N, C-alpha and C. Protein backbone atom coordinates (compact mmCIF):
# COMPACT_ATOMS: atom_id res chain seq x y z
N MET A 1 70.93 109.74 84.84
CA MET A 1 71.77 110.98 84.85
C MET A 1 72.37 111.23 86.21
N GLY A 2 71.60 111.02 87.25
CA GLY A 2 72.10 111.24 88.61
C GLY A 2 73.26 110.31 88.93
N ASP A 3 73.16 109.08 88.51
CA ASP A 3 74.21 108.09 88.75
C ASP A 3 75.47 108.49 88.04
N GLU A 4 75.40 109.05 86.86
CA GLU A 4 76.55 109.41 86.08
C GLU A 4 77.25 110.58 86.82
N LYS A 5 76.47 111.51 87.31
CA LYS A 5 77.05 112.63 88.08
C LYS A 5 77.78 112.15 89.26
N MET A 6 77.17 111.21 90.01
CA MET A 6 77.75 110.71 91.17
C MET A 6 79.10 109.96 90.89
N LYS A 7 78.99 109.20 89.77
CA LYS A 7 80.25 108.53 89.34
C LYS A 7 81.34 109.50 88.98
N LEU A 8 81.08 110.57 88.27
CA LEU A 8 82.05 111.54 87.93
C LEU A 8 82.59 112.22 89.22
N GLN A 9 81.70 112.52 90.13
CA GLN A 9 82.11 113.16 91.38
C GLN A 9 83.03 112.21 92.17
N LEU A 10 82.67 110.94 92.28
CA LEU A 10 83.53 110.04 92.96
C LEU A 10 84.93 109.87 92.30
N GLN A 11 84.94 109.78 90.93
CA GLN A 11 86.23 109.71 90.23
C GLN A 11 87.05 110.95 90.53
N LYS A 12 86.41 112.12 90.53
CA LYS A 12 87.18 113.36 90.80
C LYS A 12 87.70 113.32 92.20
N GLU A 13 86.86 112.94 93.19
CA GLU A 13 87.34 112.83 94.54
C GLU A 13 88.49 111.88 94.76
N LYS A 14 88.33 110.73 94.02
CA LYS A 14 89.38 109.75 94.10
C LYS A 14 90.73 110.24 93.50
N GLY A 15 90.63 111.01 92.47
CA GLY A 15 91.84 111.60 91.84
C GLY A 15 92.45 112.57 92.75
N GLU A 16 91.61 113.38 93.43
CA GLU A 16 92.12 114.33 94.45
C GLU A 16 92.80 113.63 95.60
N LYS A 17 92.14 112.52 96.00
CA LYS A 17 92.74 111.79 97.19
C LYS A 17 94.13 111.24 96.79
N GLN A 18 94.19 110.67 95.57
CA GLN A 18 95.50 110.12 95.12
C GLN A 18 96.55 111.23 95.00
N THR A 19 96.16 112.38 94.47
CA THR A 19 97.04 113.44 94.39
C THR A 19 97.54 113.89 95.80
N ASN A 20 96.61 114.05 96.70
CA ASN A 20 96.99 114.41 98.06
C ASN A 20 97.89 113.39 98.67
N GLU A 21 97.65 112.15 98.43
CA GLU A 21 98.47 111.03 98.99
C GLU A 21 99.88 111.13 98.47
N VAL A 22 100.03 111.34 97.14
CA VAL A 22 101.35 111.50 96.52
C VAL A 22 102.08 112.64 97.10
N LEU A 23 101.45 113.77 97.22
CA LEU A 23 102.06 114.97 97.78
C LEU A 23 102.48 114.75 99.21
N ARG A 24 101.63 114.11 100.02
CA ARG A 24 101.91 113.81 101.42
C ARG A 24 103.19 112.95 101.54
N LYS A 25 103.21 111.86 100.73
CA LYS A 25 104.35 110.94 100.78
C LYS A 25 105.61 111.59 100.32
N LYS A 26 105.53 112.55 99.30
CA LYS A 26 106.73 113.28 98.89
C LYS A 26 107.26 114.16 100.03
N GLU A 27 106.27 114.85 100.72
CA GLU A 27 106.67 115.72 101.83
C GLU A 27 107.27 114.91 102.90
N LEU A 28 106.77 113.76 103.25
CA LEU A 28 107.36 112.90 104.30
C LEU A 28 108.77 112.47 103.90
N LYS A 29 109.00 112.11 102.69
CA LYS A 29 110.31 111.69 102.23
C LYS A 29 111.27 112.91 102.46
N GLU A 30 110.88 114.11 102.05
CA GLU A 30 111.68 115.29 102.18
C GLU A 30 112.03 115.53 103.61
N ARG A 31 111.05 115.42 104.51
CA ARG A 31 111.25 115.63 105.99
C ARG A 31 112.24 114.58 106.51
N LYS A 32 112.07 113.39 106.09
CA LYS A 32 112.96 112.24 106.54
C LYS A 32 114.37 112.52 106.10
N ALA A 33 114.59 113.02 104.82
CA ALA A 33 115.90 113.28 104.30
C ALA A 33 116.53 114.44 105.10
N LYS A 34 115.71 115.46 105.41
CA LYS A 34 116.25 116.59 106.26
C LYS A 34 116.67 116.11 107.61
N ARG A 35 115.84 115.28 108.23
CA ARG A 35 116.15 114.78 109.57
C ARG A 35 117.49 113.97 109.51
N LYS A 36 117.57 113.13 108.54
CA LYS A 36 118.76 112.26 108.39
C LYS A 36 120.01 113.16 108.22
N LYS A 37 119.90 114.17 107.40
CA LYS A 37 120.97 115.08 107.18
C LYS A 37 121.38 115.78 108.48
N LYS A 38 120.38 116.24 109.24
CA LYS A 38 120.63 116.93 110.51
C LYS A 38 121.34 115.98 111.47
N VAL A 39 120.85 114.74 111.55
CA VAL A 39 121.44 113.79 112.48
C VAL A 39 122.90 113.56 112.07
N LYS A 40 123.18 113.33 110.81
CA LYS A 40 124.54 113.08 110.39
C LYS A 40 125.43 114.30 110.72
N ALA A 41 124.97 115.50 110.46
CA ALA A 41 125.72 116.71 110.77
C ALA A 41 125.98 116.83 112.28
N HIS A 42 124.99 116.40 113.08
CA HIS A 42 125.07 116.50 114.52
C HIS A 42 126.12 115.49 115.07
N LEU A 43 126.13 114.28 114.47
CA LEU A 43 127.00 113.25 114.98
C LEU A 43 128.44 113.31 114.48
N LEU A 44 128.64 114.08 113.43
CA LEU A 44 130.00 114.17 112.85
C LEU A 44 131.05 114.60 113.80
N PRO A 45 130.90 115.74 114.53
CA PRO A 45 131.94 116.17 115.49
C PRO A 45 132.20 115.12 116.53
N ARG A 46 131.19 114.47 117.00
CA ARG A 46 131.32 113.43 118.04
C ARG A 46 132.20 112.30 117.53
N ALA A 47 132.00 111.90 116.27
CA ALA A 47 132.80 110.82 115.71
C ALA A 47 134.23 111.21 115.58
N ILE A 48 134.48 112.43 115.21
CA ILE A 48 135.88 112.92 115.10
C ILE A 48 136.50 112.90 116.46
N ASP A 49 135.78 113.36 117.52
CA ASP A 49 136.33 113.36 118.85
C ASP A 49 136.69 111.99 119.32
N ARG A 50 135.90 110.97 119.00
CA ARG A 50 136.24 109.63 119.41
C ARG A 50 137.53 109.11 118.73
N ARG A 51 137.77 109.44 117.52
CA ARG A 51 138.87 108.98 116.85
C ARG A 51 140.19 109.65 117.32
N CYS A 52 140.06 110.91 117.75
CA CYS A 52 141.24 111.66 118.14
C CYS A 52 141.05 112.15 119.57
N PRO A 53 141.24 111.27 120.58
CA PRO A 53 141.08 111.72 121.98
C PRO A 53 142.18 112.68 122.37
N GLU A 54 141.88 113.57 123.31
CA GLU A 54 142.88 114.55 123.73
C GLU A 54 143.86 113.79 124.57
N PRO A 55 145.16 114.19 124.53
CA PRO A 55 146.18 113.49 125.30
C PRO A 55 145.91 113.70 126.86
N ARG A 56 146.21 112.68 127.63
CA ARG A 56 146.07 112.76 129.07
C ARG A 56 147.23 113.46 129.67
N GLN A 57 146.96 114.16 130.74
CA GLN A 57 148.03 114.75 131.54
C GLN A 57 148.48 113.80 132.65
N ILE A 58 149.71 113.61 132.79
CA ILE A 58 150.19 112.68 133.91
C ILE A 58 150.71 113.45 135.08
């Protein structure tokens, strides 16, 4: 009986660990996507500036 309880407890913990792992991975993906979006938004004006340099004064 004790072994069965331990088995059930381990299965429950394993399920919780898997759930936590999935949630953690999902959160990391969301953070990465946010960072990527931020970087793109940050670099956009710089890219436009390079394409259209201001005219030089002679």
